[in-house]
Amino acid sequence: MQDRRTARRYGMTLPVKLDGNQTLPAPDTAGHTRDISTHGLYFTAESAPQPGTMVSLTLSLPPALTGGEGVLVEVLARILRVEPAGVRADGRVGVAAKIVQYDILRATEARPN
């Protein structure tokens, strides 16, 4: 099978907050990225919406990575696939999402939810 990725992936474990509004059993779900690129990301969480759903994600970049202060990346993404909880040893679902749009903010400029 040929790899169709067009952007380099970076293996990074970053905190991610998934705001699924009405699409998740819990209004806000926390998770962690496994890898990320300029076009998409893969993360794990307790639950996820169905493929095709648009979601808002907030990624937290630590000061050590940004060279000083914390940075938040607000992302609008489309869920591409969801791997069921039974596939992963930790019982969490794996989620692949395509980044549609993103906005980079200092942690102090974060928009209220």
N, C-alpha and C. Protein backbone atom coordinates (compact mmCIF):
# COMPACT_ATOMS: atom_id res chain seq x y z
N MET A 1 0.84 -1.18 0.00
CA MET A 1 0.00 0.00 0.00
C MET A 1 0.89 1.25 0.00
N GLN A 2 0.57 2.21 -0.83
CA GLN A 2 1.37 3.42 -0.97
C GLN A 2 0.96 4.45 0.08
N ASP A 3 1.94 5.12 0.67
CA ASP A 3 1.70 6.18 1.65
C ASP A 3 1.29 7.44 0.90
N ARG A 4 0.11 7.99 1.19
CA ARG A 4 -0.40 9.16 0.48
C ARG A 4 -0.11 10.47 1.20
N ARG A 5 0.63 10.42 2.29
CA ARG A 5 0.90 11.64 3.04
C ARG A 5 1.78 12.59 2.23
N THR A 6 1.44 13.88 2.30
CA THR A 6 2.21 14.87 1.57
C THR A 6 3.03 15.77 2.49
N ALA A 7 2.81 15.67 3.80
CA ALA A 7 3.54 16.50 4.76
C ALA A 7 4.26 15.61 5.76
N ARG A 8 5.39 16.08 6.23
CA ARG A 8 6.17 15.32 7.20
C ARG A 8 5.42 15.27 8.53
N ARG A 9 5.41 14.09 9.15
CA ARG A 9 4.78 13.91 10.46
C ARG A 9 5.84 14.02 11.54
N TYR A 10 5.42 14.57 12.68
CA TYR A 10 6.30 14.70 13.84
C TYR A 10 5.66 13.94 14.99
N GLY A 11 6.42 13.01 15.57
CA GLY A 11 5.94 12.28 16.73
C GLY A 11 6.00 13.18 17.95
N MET A 12 4.85 13.66 18.40
CA MET A 12 4.79 14.56 19.55
C MET A 12 3.62 14.18 20.44
N THR A 13 3.88 14.15 21.72
CA THR A 13 2.80 13.93 22.67
C THR A 13 2.46 15.27 23.30
N LEU A 14 1.35 15.84 22.85
CA LEU A 14 0.88 17.13 23.35
C LEU A 14 -0.53 16.98 23.89
N PRO A 15 -0.86 17.73 24.94
CA PRO A 15 -2.25 17.69 25.42
C PRO A 15 -3.17 18.29 24.36
N VAL A 16 -4.32 17.66 24.18
CA VAL A 16 -5.32 18.16 23.24
C VAL A 16 -6.69 18.13 23.92
N LYS A 17 -7.44 19.18 23.75
CA LYS A 17 -8.80 19.25 24.26
C LYS A 17 -9.73 19.24 23.06
N LEU A 18 -10.66 18.31 23.05
CA LEU A 18 -11.60 18.13 21.96
C LEU A 18 -12.94 18.70 22.39
N ASP A 19 -13.39 19.73 21.71
CA ASP A 19 -14.69 20.32 21.98
C ASP A 19 -15.65 19.79 20.94
N GLY A 20 -16.40 18.78 21.30
CA GLY A 20 -17.29 18.14 20.34
C GLY A 20 -18.69 18.68 20.34
N ASN A 21 -18.97 19.68 21.19
CA ASN A 21 -20.32 20.23 21.31
C ASN A 21 -21.33 19.11 21.50
N GLN A 22 -22.24 18.92 20.57
CA GLN A 22 -23.27 17.89 20.70
C GLN A 22 -22.82 16.54 20.14
N THR A 23 -21.60 16.44 19.61
CA THR A 23 -21.20 15.22 18.90
C THR A 23 -20.51 14.19 19.79
N LEU A 24 -20.25 14.53 21.05
CA LEU A 24 -19.59 13.61 21.97
C LEU A 24 -20.47 13.33 23.17
N PRO A 25 -20.30 12.15 23.79
CA PRO A 25 -21.04 11.86 25.02
C PRO A 25 -20.74 12.87 26.12
N ALA A 26 -19.49 13.29 26.26
CA ALA A 26 -19.10 14.33 27.21
C ALA A 26 -18.81 15.59 26.40
N PRO A 27 -19.21 16.78 26.89
CA PRO A 27 -19.02 17.99 26.10
C PRO A 27 -17.56 18.28 25.74
N ASP A 28 -16.65 18.04 26.67
CA ASP A 28 -15.23 18.26 26.41
C ASP A 28 -14.47 16.98 26.73
N THR A 29 -13.58 16.58 25.84
CA THR A 29 -12.80 15.38 26.04
C THR A 29 -11.33 15.73 25.94
N ALA A 30 -10.54 15.22 26.88
CA ALA A 30 -9.09 15.47 26.86
C ALA A 30 -8.39 14.27 26.25
N GLY A 31 -7.30 14.53 25.58
CA GLY A 31 -6.51 13.47 24.98
C GLY A 31 -5.08 13.92 24.78
N HIS A 32 -4.35 13.14 24.00
CA HIS A 32 -2.95 13.46 23.69
C HIS A 32 -2.68 13.11 22.24
N THR A 33 -1.88 13.95 21.59
CA THR A 33 -1.48 13.64 20.22
C THR A 33 -0.46 12.51 20.23
N ARG A 34 -0.41 11.79 19.14
CA ARG A 34 0.65 10.81 18.92
C ARG A 34 1.60 11.35 17.87
N ASP A 35 1.02 11.91 16.81
CA ASP A 35 1.82 12.58 15.80
C ASP A 35 0.99 13.68 15.15
N ILE A 36 1.72 14.61 14.52
CA ILE A 36 1.06 15.79 13.94
C ILE A 36 1.86 16.24 12.73
N SER A 37 1.16 16.83 11.76
CA SER A 37 1.79 17.44 10.60
C SER A 37 1.04 18.73 10.30
N THR A 38 1.43 19.42 9.25
CA THR A 38 0.73 20.65 8.90
C THR A 38 -0.66 20.37 8.33
N HIS A 39 -0.92 19.13 7.94
CA HIS A 39 -2.21 18.78 7.33
C HIS A 39 -3.12 17.96 8.22
N GLY A 40 -2.59 17.36 9.27
CA GLY A 40 -3.44 16.50 10.09
C GLY A 40 -2.76 16.07 11.36
N LEU A 41 -3.50 15.29 12.15
CA LEU A 41 -2.95 14.78 13.39
C LEU A 41 -3.64 13.48 13.77
N TYR A 42 -2.98 12.75 14.64
CA TYR A 42 -3.53 11.52 15.21
C TYR A 42 -3.45 11.71 16.71
N PHE A 43 -4.57 11.47 17.39
CA PHE A 43 -4.58 11.60 18.85
C PHE A 43 -5.43 10.50 19.46
N THR A 44 -5.27 10.32 20.75
CA THR A 44 -6.07 9.36 21.48
C THR A 44 -6.96 10.12 22.47
N ALA A 45 -8.13 9.56 22.73
CA ALA A 45 -9.08 10.20 23.64
C ALA A 45 -10.02 9.13 24.19
N GLU A 46 -10.85 9.52 25.15
CA GLU A 46 -11.81 8.59 25.73
C GLU A 46 -12.95 8.29 24.77
N SER A 47 -13.33 9.28 23.97
CA SER A 47 -14.40 9.08 22.99
C SER A 47 -14.15 10.02 21.82
N ALA A 48 -14.84 9.78 20.72
CA ALA A 48 -14.66 10.62 19.53
C ALA A 48 -15.94 10.61 18.71
N PRO A 49 -16.17 11.69 17.97
CA PRO A 49 -17.33 11.72 17.08
C PRO A 49 -17.10 10.83 15.86
N GLN A 50 -18.12 10.67 15.08
CA GLN A 50 -18.08 9.82 13.88
C GLN A 50 -17.20 10.46 12.80
N PRO A 51 -16.61 9.65 11.93
CA PRO A 51 -15.86 10.19 10.79
C PRO A 51 -16.74 11.14 9.97
N GLY A 52 -16.11 12.20 9.48
CA GLY A 52 -16.83 13.22 8.71
C GLY A 52 -17.26 14.42 9.55
N THR A 53 -17.26 14.26 10.87
CA THR A 53 -17.66 15.33 11.77
C THR A 53 -16.57 16.39 11.87
N MET A 54 -16.98 17.67 11.91
CA MET A 54 -16.05 18.77 12.14
C MET A 54 -15.97 19.00 13.65
N VAL A 55 -14.75 19.18 14.16
CA VAL A 55 -14.54 19.40 15.59
C VAL A 55 -13.55 20.55 15.82
N SER A 56 -13.63 21.13 17.00
CA SER A 56 -12.66 22.13 17.44
C SER A 56 -11.71 21.46 18.41
N LEU A 57 -10.42 21.65 18.20
CA LEU A 57 -9.39 21.09 19.06
C LEU A 57 -8.53 22.24 19.58
N THR A 58 -8.04 22.09 20.79
CA THR A 58 -7.06 23.03 21.31
C THR A 58 -5.83 22.24 21.73
N LEU A 59 -4.70 22.54 21.10
CA LEU A 59 -3.43 21.90 21.43
C LEU A 59 -2.63 22.85 22.31
N SER A 60 -1.99 22.32 23.33
CA SER A 60 -1.16 23.12 24.23
C SER A 60 0.31 22.85 23.93
N LEU A 61 1.01 23.88 23.47
CA LEU A 61 2.45 23.76 23.23
C LEU A 61 3.18 24.27 24.46
N PRO A 62 4.02 23.45 25.07
CA PRO A 62 4.70 23.86 26.31
C PRO A 62 5.78 24.91 26.06
N PRO A 63 6.10 25.71 27.10
CA PRO A 63 7.14 26.74 26.98
C PRO A 63 8.48 26.18 26.50
N ALA A 64 8.82 24.96 26.90
CA ALA A 64 10.09 24.37 26.47
C ALA A 64 10.15 24.20 24.95
N LEU A 65 9.03 23.98 24.33
CA LEU A 65 8.97 23.79 22.89
C LEU A 65 8.91 25.12 22.13
N THR A 66 8.30 26.13 22.75
CA THR A 66 8.09 27.41 22.07
C THR A 66 9.15 28.45 22.39
N GLY A 67 10.07 28.13 23.32
CA GLY A 67 11.14 29.05 23.64
C GLY A 67 10.75 30.14 24.61
N GLY A 68 9.81 29.90 25.47
CA GLY A 68 9.46 30.93 26.46
C GLY A 68 8.11 30.74 27.08
N GLU A 69 7.08 31.23 26.40
CA GLU A 69 5.75 31.14 27.01
C GLU A 69 4.92 30.07 26.32
N GLY A 70 3.89 29.62 27.04
CA GLY A 70 3.01 28.60 26.49
C GLY A 70 2.22 29.14 25.31
N VAL A 71 1.94 28.28 24.37
CA VAL A 71 1.19 28.65 23.17
C VAL A 71 0.06 27.66 22.99
N LEU A 72 -1.11 28.17 22.60
CA LEU A 72 -2.25 27.33 22.27
C LEU A 72 -2.46 27.37 20.77
N VAL A 73 -2.80 26.23 20.20
CA VAL A 73 -3.14 26.17 18.79
C VAL A 73 -4.59 25.71 18.72
N GLU A 74 -5.45 26.60 18.23
CA GLU A 74 -6.86 26.25 18.06
C GLU A 74 -7.04 25.73 16.64
N VAL A 75 -7.61 24.53 16.54
CA VAL A 75 -7.68 23.82 15.27
C VAL A 75 -9.12 23.46 14.94
N LEU A 76 -9.51 23.68 13.71
CA LEU A 76 -10.76 23.16 13.18
C LEU A 76 -10.36 21.97 12.32
N ALA A 77 -10.92 20.80 12.62
CA ALA A 77 -10.50 19.59 11.92
C ALA A 77 -11.70 18.71 11.57
N ARG A 78 -11.52 17.90 10.54
CA ARG A 78 -12.54 16.92 10.14
C ARG A 78 -12.03 15.54 10.56
N ILE A 79 -12.85 14.81 11.28
CA ILE A 79 -12.49 13.46 11.71
C ILE A 79 -12.47 12.55 10.47
N LEU A 80 -11.34 11.88 10.24
CA LEU A 80 -11.20 10.98 9.10
C LEU A 80 -11.52 9.54 9.47
N ARG A 81 -10.97 9.09 10.60
CA ARG A 81 -11.25 7.72 11.04
C ARG A 81 -11.10 7.64 12.55
N VAL A 82 -11.80 6.67 13.12
CA VAL A 82 -11.74 6.42 14.55
C VAL A 82 -11.47 4.94 14.75
N GLU A 83 -10.38 4.64 15.46
CA GLU A 83 -10.05 3.25 15.78
C GLU A 83 -10.70 2.91 17.10
N PRO A 84 -11.46 1.84 17.18
CA PRO A 84 -12.18 1.50 18.40
C PRO A 84 -11.26 1.29 19.60
N ALA A 85 -11.81 1.46 20.79
CA ALA A 85 -11.05 1.35 22.03
C ALA A 85 -10.35 0.00 22.16
N GLY A 86 -10.92 -1.05 21.67
CA GLY A 86 -10.33 -2.38 21.79
C GLY A 86 -9.03 -2.55 21.03
N VAL A 87 -8.74 -1.68 20.09
CA VAL A 87 -7.52 -1.79 19.28
C VAL A 87 -6.29 -1.38 20.08
N ARG A 88 -6.46 -0.43 21.01
CA ARG A 88 -5.35 0.11 21.79
C ARG A 88 -5.30 -0.54 23.16
N ALA A 89 -4.10 -0.74 23.67
CA ALA A 89 -3.91 -1.38 24.98
C ALA A 89 -4.45 -0.52 26.13
N ASP A 90 -4.45 0.82 25.96
CA ASP A 90 -4.89 1.71 27.04
C ASP A 90 -6.41 1.90 27.07
N GLY A 91 -7.13 1.29 26.13
CA GLY A 91 -8.58 1.39 26.13
C GLY A 91 -9.14 2.68 25.55
N ARG A 92 -8.27 3.55 25.05
CA ARG A 92 -8.73 4.80 24.45
C ARG A 92 -8.93 4.62 22.95
N VAL A 93 -9.71 5.48 22.35
CA VAL A 93 -9.90 5.42 20.90
C VAL A 93 -8.78 6.20 20.23
N GLY A 94 -8.39 5.77 19.05
CA GLY A 94 -7.41 6.49 18.25
C GLY A 94 -8.16 7.26 17.18
N VAL A 95 -7.78 8.52 16.97
CA VAL A 95 -8.51 9.40 16.06
C VAL A 95 -7.56 10.04 15.07
N ALA A 96 -7.85 9.90 13.78
CA ALA A 96 -7.11 10.60 12.74
C ALA A 96 -7.99 11.74 12.24
N ALA A 97 -7.40 12.94 12.15
CA ALA A 97 -8.16 14.11 11.73
C ALA A 97 -7.37 14.95 10.75
N LYS A 98 -8.07 15.55 9.80
CA LYS A 98 -7.47 16.45 8.81
C LYS A 98 -7.67 17.89 9.30
N ILE A 99 -6.58 18.64 9.35
CA ILE A 99 -6.65 20.03 9.78
C ILE A 99 -7.22 20.87 8.63
N VAL A 100 -8.30 21.60 8.94
CA VAL A 100 -8.94 22.47 7.96
C VAL A 100 -8.44 23.91 8.14
N GLN A 101 -8.27 24.30 9.41
CA GLN A 101 -7.86 25.67 9.73
C GLN A 101 -7.24 25.66 11.11
N TYR A 102 -6.29 26.58 11.37
CA TYR A 102 -5.74 26.68 12.71
C TYR A 102 -5.38 28.12 13.02
N ASP A 103 -5.31 28.43 14.31
CA ASP A 103 -4.95 29.76 14.78
C ASP A 103 -4.01 29.57 15.97
N ILE A 104 -2.90 30.29 15.96
CA ILE A 104 -1.90 30.17 17.03
C ILE A 104 -2.04 31.36 17.97
N LEU A 105 -2.16 31.08 19.27
CA LEU A 105 -2.36 32.10 20.29
C LEU A 105 -1.40 31.89 21.44
N ARG A 106 -0.97 32.99 22.07
CA ARG A 106 -0.27 32.86 23.34
C ARG A 106 -1.28 32.35 24.35
N ALA A 107 -0.82 31.58 25.33
CA ALA A 107 -1.75 31.03 26.33
C ALA A 107 -2.53 32.14 27.02
N THR A 108 -1.94 33.32 27.18
CA THR A 108 -2.61 34.43 27.84
C THR A 108 -3.69 35.07 26.96
N GLU A 109 -3.68 34.80 25.65
CA GLU A 109 -4.66 35.35 24.73
C GLU A 109 -5.80 34.39 24.44
N ALA A 110 -5.81 33.24 25.10
CA ALA A 110 -6.78 32.19 24.79
C ALA A 110 -8.19 32.74 24.84
N ARG A 111 -8.97 32.30 23.88
CA ARG A 111 -10.37 32.70 23.81
C ARG A 111 -11.18 31.89 24.80
N PRO A 112 -12.15 32.49 25.48
CA PRO A 112 -12.98 31.71 26.38
C PRO A 112 -13.88 30.77 25.58
N ASN A 113 -14.12 29.57 26.13
CA ASN A 113 -14.99 28.60 25.44
C ASN A 113 -16.42 28.85 25.72
